[in-house]
Amino acid sequence: MITRLRQHLRRYPGAARLLAVAGLLLIASAAHTGVRSGLTACGPQTAGPGCTATNAGWVVLLVAGVLAAVVGGSGAVWPLPAVWLVVALLTAAQGEVGSSGFLVGALALGTVALGAAVWADVAAARARARRSRRER
């Protein structure tokens, strides 16, 4: 289904770019919301704030952002965790952090995801170069 949608978007490159940018903005919003609200340390049995939709709302934003960026993107995946890391750091630097555990986890997983994404993009570029050398 995603492949069919990507093929359809190739006819409209402006729409694909718009979808990719919207995906990156959704990921940025997910990182900001996640750092501000924390993860699930909420409710009367915890020391955290009361549970609201924003405590887990960042997950929906993240999933929607990744899907939009993958469908409309150029094939490079490294910008997704890079945006996550930058926005998480900027939000933490501004002050109010919902959960320091969430922040540490978000930064650690974001760093690992960025390394994996860069590795995947480099491996894909090397594979394309090898295929083009074989075809000559």
N, C-alpha and C. Protein backbone atom coordinates (compact mmCIF):
# COMPACT_ATOMS: atom_id res chain seq x y z
N MET A 1 0.83 -1.18 0.00
CA MET A 1 0.00 0.00 0.00
C MET A 1 0.88 1.26 0.00
N ILE A 2 1.93 1.24 0.82
CA ILE A 2 2.81 2.41 0.88
C ILE A 2 3.55 2.57 -0.44
N THR A 3 3.95 1.45 -1.05
CA THR A 3 4.64 1.51 -2.34
C THR A 3 3.74 2.12 -3.40
N ARG A 4 2.48 1.71 -3.41
CA ARG A 4 1.54 2.26 -4.38
C ARG A 4 1.34 3.76 -4.16
N LEU A 5 1.26 4.17 -2.91
CA LEU A 5 1.10 5.59 -2.60
C LEU A 5 2.33 6.38 -3.02
N ARG A 6 3.53 5.82 -2.78
CA ARG A 6 4.76 6.50 -3.19
C ARG A 6 4.82 6.65 -4.71
N GLN A 7 4.39 5.61 -5.45
CA GLN A 7 4.38 5.70 -6.91
C GLN A 7 3.40 6.77 -7.38
N HIS A 8 2.27 6.88 -6.71
CA HIS A 8 1.30 7.90 -7.06
C HIS A 8 1.85 9.30 -6.78
N LEU A 9 2.58 9.45 -5.68
CA LEU A 9 3.13 10.75 -5.33
C LEU A 9 4.27 11.18 -6.26
N ARG A 10 4.90 10.22 -6.95
CA ARG A 10 5.97 10.59 -7.88
C ARG A 10 5.44 11.46 -9.02
N ARG A 11 4.15 11.33 -9.31
CA ARG A 11 3.55 12.18 -10.35
C ARG A 11 3.38 13.61 -9.87
N TYR A 12 3.36 13.80 -8.56
CA TYR A 12 3.18 15.12 -7.96
C TYR A 12 4.32 15.38 -6.98
N PRO A 13 5.49 15.78 -7.46
CA PRO A 13 6.64 15.95 -6.56
C PRO A 13 6.43 17.03 -5.50
N GLY A 14 5.64 18.04 -5.81
CA GLY A 14 5.37 19.07 -4.81
C GLY A 14 4.60 18.52 -3.63
N ALA A 15 3.65 17.65 -3.90
CA ALA A 15 2.87 17.04 -2.82
C ALA A 15 3.75 16.11 -1.98
N ALA A 16 4.67 15.42 -2.64
CA ALA A 16 5.58 14.52 -1.91
C ALA A 16 6.49 15.33 -0.98
N ARG A 17 7.00 16.45 -1.47
CA ARG A 17 7.85 17.29 -0.62
C ARG A 17 7.07 17.86 0.55
N LEU A 18 5.85 18.29 0.28
CA LEU A 18 5.00 18.83 1.34
C LEU A 18 4.72 17.76 2.40
N LEU A 19 4.46 16.54 1.97
CA LEU A 19 4.21 15.45 2.90
C LEU A 19 5.46 15.13 3.72
N ALA A 20 6.62 15.18 3.09
CA ALA A 20 7.87 14.92 3.82
C ALA A 20 8.14 15.99 4.86
N VAL A 21 7.91 17.24 4.51
CA VAL A 21 8.11 18.34 5.47
C VAL A 21 7.09 18.24 6.59
N ALA A 22 5.86 17.89 6.27
CA ALA A 22 4.84 17.71 7.31
C ALA A 22 5.23 16.59 8.26
N GLY A 23 5.82 15.53 7.72
CA GLY A 23 6.28 14.43 8.56
C GLY A 23 7.37 14.87 9.52
N LEU A 24 8.32 15.66 9.02
CA LEU A 24 9.38 16.16 9.88
C LEU A 24 8.83 17.08 10.97
N LEU A 25 7.85 17.90 10.61
CA LEU A 25 7.24 18.77 11.60
C LEU A 25 6.46 17.99 12.65
N LEU A 26 5.82 16.90 12.24
CA LEU A 26 5.11 16.05 13.20
C LEU A 26 6.10 15.38 14.16
N ILE A 27 7.25 14.97 13.65
CA ILE A 27 8.27 14.37 14.50
C ILE A 27 8.80 15.41 15.49
N ALA A 28 9.00 16.63 15.01
CA ALA A 28 9.45 17.70 15.90
C ALA A 28 8.41 17.97 16.99
N SER A 29 7.14 17.97 16.61
CA SER A 29 6.08 18.18 17.58
C SER A 29 6.01 17.04 18.59
N ALA A 30 6.25 15.82 18.13
CA ALA A 30 6.24 14.67 19.04
C ALA A 30 7.38 14.78 20.06
N ALA A 31 8.56 15.16 19.60
CA ALA A 31 9.69 15.31 20.52
C ALA A 31 9.41 16.41 21.55
N HIS A 32 8.89 17.53 21.09
CA HIS A 32 8.59 18.64 21.99
C HIS A 32 7.54 18.25 23.02
N THR A 33 6.47 17.62 22.56
CA THR A 33 5.40 17.21 23.46
C THR A 33 5.88 16.14 24.44
N GLY A 34 6.67 15.20 23.95
CA GLY A 34 7.18 14.14 24.81
C GLY A 34 8.09 14.67 25.91
N VAL A 35 9.00 15.57 25.56
CA VAL A 35 9.91 16.12 26.57
C VAL A 35 9.14 16.98 27.57
N ARG A 36 8.18 17.74 27.11
CA ARG A 36 7.41 18.61 28.02
C ARG A 36 6.49 17.83 28.95
N SER A 37 5.89 16.73 28.45
CA SER A 37 4.90 16.04 29.27
C SER A 37 5.45 14.82 29.98
N GLY A 38 6.57 14.28 29.55
CA GLY A 38 7.07 13.05 30.15
C GLY A 38 6.38 11.86 29.53
N LEU A 39 6.64 10.70 30.08
CA LEU A 39 6.10 9.49 29.48
C LEU A 39 4.79 9.09 30.15
N THR A 40 4.86 8.26 31.12
CA THR A 40 3.63 7.80 31.77
C THR A 40 3.68 8.01 33.28
N ALA A 41 4.59 8.82 33.76
CA ALA A 41 4.68 9.06 35.20
C ALA A 41 3.57 10.03 35.60
N CYS A 42 2.36 9.56 35.53
CA CYS A 42 1.23 10.43 35.85
C CYS A 42 0.21 9.64 36.67
N GLY A 43 -0.70 10.34 37.23
CA GLY A 43 -1.77 9.70 37.97
C GLY A 43 -1.62 9.86 39.47
N PRO A 44 -2.65 9.46 40.22
CA PRO A 44 -2.63 9.65 41.67
C PRO A 44 -1.62 8.75 42.39
N GLN A 45 -1.27 7.61 41.83
CA GLN A 45 -0.34 6.71 42.51
C GLN A 45 1.12 7.09 42.26
N THR A 46 1.39 8.12 41.48
CA THR A 46 2.75 8.55 41.20
C THR A 46 2.96 9.97 41.72
N ALA A 47 4.21 10.40 41.68
CA ALA A 47 4.51 11.77 42.10
C ALA A 47 4.35 12.74 40.94
N GLY A 48 4.05 12.22 39.75
CA GLY A 48 3.94 13.06 38.56
C GLY A 48 2.61 13.78 38.48
N PRO A 49 2.41 14.50 37.37
CA PRO A 49 1.16 15.24 37.18
C PRO A 49 0.00 14.29 36.88
N GLY A 50 -1.19 14.84 36.82
CA GLY A 50 -2.35 14.05 36.47
C GLY A 50 -2.27 13.57 35.04
N CYS A 51 -2.86 12.42 34.75
CA CYS A 51 -2.80 11.84 33.40
C CYS A 51 -3.70 12.64 32.46
N THR A 52 -3.15 13.02 31.34
CA THR A 52 -3.91 13.69 30.30
C THR A 52 -3.56 13.04 28.96
N ALA A 53 -4.22 13.48 27.93
CA ALA A 53 -3.95 12.92 26.59
C ALA A 53 -2.56 13.27 26.10
N THR A 54 -1.98 14.37 26.61
CA THR A 54 -0.66 14.76 26.12
C THR A 54 0.45 13.86 26.64
N ASN A 55 0.21 13.09 27.71
CA ASN A 55 1.25 12.21 28.21
C ASN A 55 1.59 11.12 27.21
N ALA A 56 0.65 10.69 26.41
CA ALA A 56 0.93 9.68 25.38
C ALA A 56 0.62 10.21 23.99
N GLY A 57 0.20 11.45 23.88
CA GLY A 57 -0.13 12.02 22.58
C GLY A 57 1.06 12.13 21.65
N TRP A 58 2.26 12.18 22.21
CA TRP A 58 3.46 12.29 21.38
C TRP A 58 3.67 11.03 20.55
N VAL A 59 3.17 9.88 21.02
CA VAL A 59 3.34 8.62 20.28
C VAL A 59 2.58 8.69 18.96
N VAL A 60 1.36 9.20 19.01
CA VAL A 60 0.56 9.33 17.79
C VAL A 60 1.24 10.28 16.81
N LEU A 61 1.74 11.40 17.32
CA LEU A 61 2.44 12.35 16.46
C LEU A 61 3.69 11.72 15.83
N LEU A 62 4.41 10.93 16.61
CA LEU A 62 5.63 10.30 16.10
C LEU A 62 5.32 9.29 15.01
N VAL A 63 4.32 8.46 15.23
CA VAL A 63 3.94 7.45 14.22
C VAL A 63 3.46 8.13 12.94
N ALA A 64 2.61 9.14 13.08
CA ALA A 64 2.11 9.85 11.90
C ALA A 64 3.25 10.55 11.17
N GLY A 65 4.18 11.13 11.91
CA GLY A 65 5.31 11.81 11.29
C GLY A 65 6.22 10.87 10.54
N VAL A 66 6.52 9.72 11.13
CA VAL A 66 7.38 8.75 10.45
C VAL A 66 6.70 8.23 9.19
N LEU A 67 5.42 7.91 9.27
CA LEU A 67 4.70 7.44 8.08
C LEU A 67 4.68 8.49 6.98
N ALA A 68 4.39 9.73 7.35
CA ALA A 68 4.35 10.79 6.34
C ALA A 68 5.72 11.04 5.73
N ALA A 69 6.76 11.02 6.54
CA ALA A 69 8.11 11.26 6.03
C ALA A 69 8.59 10.11 5.15
N VAL A 70 8.24 8.89 5.50
CA VAL A 70 8.66 7.73 4.69
C VAL A 70 7.91 7.72 3.37
N VAL A 71 6.62 8.00 3.40
CA VAL A 71 5.83 7.98 2.16
C VAL A 71 6.25 9.12 1.24
N GLY A 72 6.43 10.31 1.77
CA GLY A 72 6.74 11.46 0.93
C GLY A 72 8.21 11.75 0.79
N GLY A 73 9.06 11.01 1.50
CA GLY A 73 10.48 11.32 1.54
C GLY A 73 11.26 10.88 0.32
N SER A 74 12.52 11.25 0.35
CA SER A 74 13.40 10.96 -0.77
C SER A 74 14.11 9.62 -0.63
N GLY A 75 13.90 8.94 0.45
CA GLY A 75 14.56 7.66 0.69
C GLY A 75 15.61 7.74 1.78
N ALA A 76 16.09 8.91 2.11
CA ALA A 76 17.04 9.07 3.20
C ALA A 76 16.28 9.11 4.52
N VAL A 77 16.73 8.32 5.48
CA VAL A 77 16.01 8.26 6.75
C VAL A 77 16.73 8.99 7.88
N TRP A 78 17.95 9.44 7.67
CA TRP A 78 18.68 10.08 8.76
C TRP A 78 18.05 11.38 9.27
N PRO A 79 17.31 12.15 8.46
CA PRO A 79 16.73 13.37 9.02
C PRO A 79 15.70 13.12 10.13
N LEU A 80 15.06 11.95 10.13
CA LEU A 80 14.01 11.70 11.12
C LEU A 80 14.57 11.68 12.55
N PRO A 81 15.56 10.84 12.87
CA PRO A 81 16.09 10.89 14.23
C PRO A 81 16.89 12.16 14.51
N ALA A 82 17.45 12.78 13.47
CA ALA A 82 18.19 14.03 13.68
C ALA A 82 17.24 15.13 14.16
N VAL A 83 16.08 15.23 13.55
CA VAL A 83 15.09 16.22 13.98
C VAL A 83 14.64 15.92 15.40
N TRP A 84 14.41 14.64 15.69
CA TRP A 84 14.00 14.24 17.05
C TRP A 84 15.03 14.70 18.08
N LEU A 85 16.32 14.43 17.81
CA LEU A 85 17.37 14.80 18.75
C LEU A 85 17.48 16.31 18.95
N VAL A 86 17.47 17.04 17.85
CA VAL A 86 17.63 18.50 17.94
C VAL A 86 16.48 19.12 18.71
N VAL A 87 15.26 18.72 18.40
CA VAL A 87 14.11 19.32 19.08
C VAL A 87 14.06 18.90 20.55
N ALA A 88 14.42 17.66 20.85
CA ALA A 88 14.44 17.22 22.25
C ALA A 88 15.47 18.03 23.04
N LEU A 89 16.64 18.25 22.46
CA LEU A 89 17.66 19.04 23.15
C LEU A 89 17.24 20.50 23.32
N LEU A 90 16.67 21.07 22.28
CA LEU A 90 16.22 22.47 22.38
C LEU A 90 15.10 22.63 23.39
N THR A 91 14.18 21.69 23.42
CA THR A 91 13.08 21.76 24.39
C THR A 91 13.60 21.63 25.81
N ALA A 92 14.54 20.71 26.02
CA ALA A 92 15.12 20.54 27.35
C ALA A 92 15.90 21.78 27.77
N ALA A 93 16.55 22.43 26.82
CA ALA A 93 17.33 23.63 27.14
C ALA A 93 16.44 24.81 27.50
N GLN A 94 15.20 24.79 27.03
CA GLN A 94 14.29 25.89 27.33
C GLN A 94 13.77 25.85 28.76
N GLY A 95 13.87 24.70 29.41
CA GLY A 95 13.43 24.68 30.79
C GLY A 95 12.60 23.47 31.14
N GLU A 96 11.34 23.67 31.37
CA GLU A 96 10.42 22.70 31.93
C GLU A 96 10.44 21.34 31.21
N VAL A 97 10.92 20.32 31.93
CA VAL A 97 10.99 18.96 31.41
C VAL A 97 10.03 18.11 32.23
N GLY A 98 9.16 17.38 31.54
CA GLY A 98 8.16 16.57 32.24
C GLY A 98 8.77 15.42 33.01
N SER A 99 9.73 14.73 32.41
CA SER A 99 10.35 13.57 33.05
C SER A 99 11.80 13.48 32.58
N SER A 100 12.73 13.54 33.54
CA SER A 100 14.13 13.45 33.15
C SER A 100 14.46 12.07 32.61
N GLY A 101 13.77 11.04 33.09
CA GLY A 101 13.97 9.69 32.56
C GLY A 101 13.57 9.61 31.10
N PHE A 102 12.46 10.25 30.76
CA PHE A 102 12.04 10.28 29.36
C PHE A 102 13.07 11.00 28.51
N LEU A 103 13.58 12.10 29.01
CA LEU A 103 14.56 12.88 28.25
C LEU A 103 15.82 12.06 27.99
N VAL A 104 16.32 11.40 29.01
CA VAL A 104 17.53 10.57 28.84
C VAL A 104 17.25 9.43 27.84
N GLY A 105 16.10 8.79 27.99
CA GLY A 105 15.73 7.71 27.06
C GLY A 105 15.57 8.21 25.64
N ALA A 106 14.92 9.36 25.49
CA ALA A 106 14.71 9.92 24.15
C ALA A 106 16.03 10.28 23.49
N LEU A 107 16.95 10.84 24.26
CA LEU A 107 18.25 11.20 23.69
C LEU A 107 19.08 9.96 23.37
N ALA A 108 19.06 8.96 24.24
CA ALA A 108 19.82 7.74 24.00
C ALA A 108 19.28 6.98 22.79
N LEU A 109 17.97 6.78 22.76
CA LEU A 109 17.38 6.07 21.62
C LEU A 109 17.49 6.88 20.34
N GLY A 110 17.39 8.18 20.44
CA GLY A 110 17.55 9.03 19.25
C GLY A 110 18.96 8.95 18.69
N THR A 111 19.95 8.87 19.57
CA THR A 111 21.34 8.75 19.12
C THR A 111 21.57 7.41 18.44
N VAL A 112 21.05 6.35 19.03
CA VAL A 112 21.17 5.02 18.42
C VAL A 112 20.44 4.98 17.07
N ALA A 113 19.24 5.57 17.03
CA ALA A 113 18.47 5.59 15.78
C ALA A 113 19.18 6.41 14.71
N LEU A 114 19.82 7.51 15.10
CA LEU A 114 20.56 8.32 14.13
C LEU A 114 21.74 7.54 13.57
N GLY A 115 22.47 6.85 14.43
CA GLY A 115 23.59 6.03 13.96
C GLY A 115 23.13 4.94 13.02
N ALA A 116 22.02 4.27 13.36
CA ALA A 116 21.50 3.21 12.50
C ALA A 116 20.99 3.77 11.17
N ALA A 117 20.36 4.94 11.21
CA ALA A 117 19.85 5.54 9.98
C ALA A 117 20.98 5.97 9.06
N VAL A 118 22.03 6.55 9.62
CA VAL A 118 23.18 6.94 8.80
C VAL A 118 23.83 5.70 8.20
N TRP A 119 23.97 4.66 9.01
CA TRP A 119 24.56 3.41 8.50
C TRP A 119 23.70 2.84 7.37
N ALA A 120 22.38 2.83 7.55
CA ALA A 120 21.48 2.30 6.51
C ALA A 120 21.56 3.13 5.23
N ASP A 121 21.61 4.45 5.36
CA ASP A 121 21.69 5.30 4.18
C ASP A 121 23.02 5.11 3.45
N VAL A 122 24.11 4.99 4.20
CA VAL A 122 25.42 4.78 3.57
C VAL A 122 25.47 3.41 2.91
N ALA A 123 24.94 2.39 3.58
CA ALA A 123 24.92 1.04 3.00
C ALA A 123 24.11 1.01 1.71
N ALA A 124 22.99 1.71 1.68
CA ALA A 124 22.17 1.75 0.47
C ALA A 124 22.90 2.47 -0.66
N ALA A 125 23.61 3.54 -0.34
CA ALA A 125 24.36 4.26 -1.37
C ALA A 125 25.51 3.40 -1.91
N ARG A 126 26.17 2.67 -1.04
CA ARG A 126 27.25 1.78 -1.49
C ARG A 126 26.70 0.66 -2.37
N ALA A 127 25.56 0.11 -2.00
CA ALA A 127 24.95 -0.96 -2.80
C ALA A 127 24.57 -0.44 -4.19
N ARG A 128 24.04 0.78 -4.26
CA ARG A 128 23.70 1.36 -5.57
C ARG A 128 24.96 1.55 -6.40
N ALA A 129 26.04 2.02 -5.77
CA ALA A 129 27.29 2.23 -6.49
C ALA A 129 27.85 0.90 -7.00
N ARG A 130 27.78 -0.14 -6.18
CA ARG A 130 28.24 -1.46 -6.62
C ARG A 130 27.43 -1.98 -7.80
N ARG A 131 26.11 -1.81 -7.73
CA ARG A 131 25.24 -2.27 -8.84
C ARG A 131 25.56 -1.50 -10.12
N SER A 132 25.79 -0.21 -10.01
CA SER A 132 26.08 0.58 -11.22
C SER A 132 27.43 0.21 -11.80
N ARG A 133 28.42 -0.15 -10.97
CA ARG A 133 29.72 -0.59 -11.47
C ARG A 133 29.59 -1.93 -12.16
N ARG A 134 28.77 -2.83 -11.66
CA ARG A 134 28.57 -4.13 -12.29
C ARG A 134 27.90 -4.01 -13.65
N GLU A 135 27.02 -3.05 -13.80
CA GLU A 135 26.27 -2.89 -15.05
C GLU A 135 27.13 -2.30 -16.16
N ARG A 136 28.26 -1.70 -15.84
CA ARG A 136 29.11 -1.09 -16.87
C ARG A 136 29.81 -2.09 -17.67
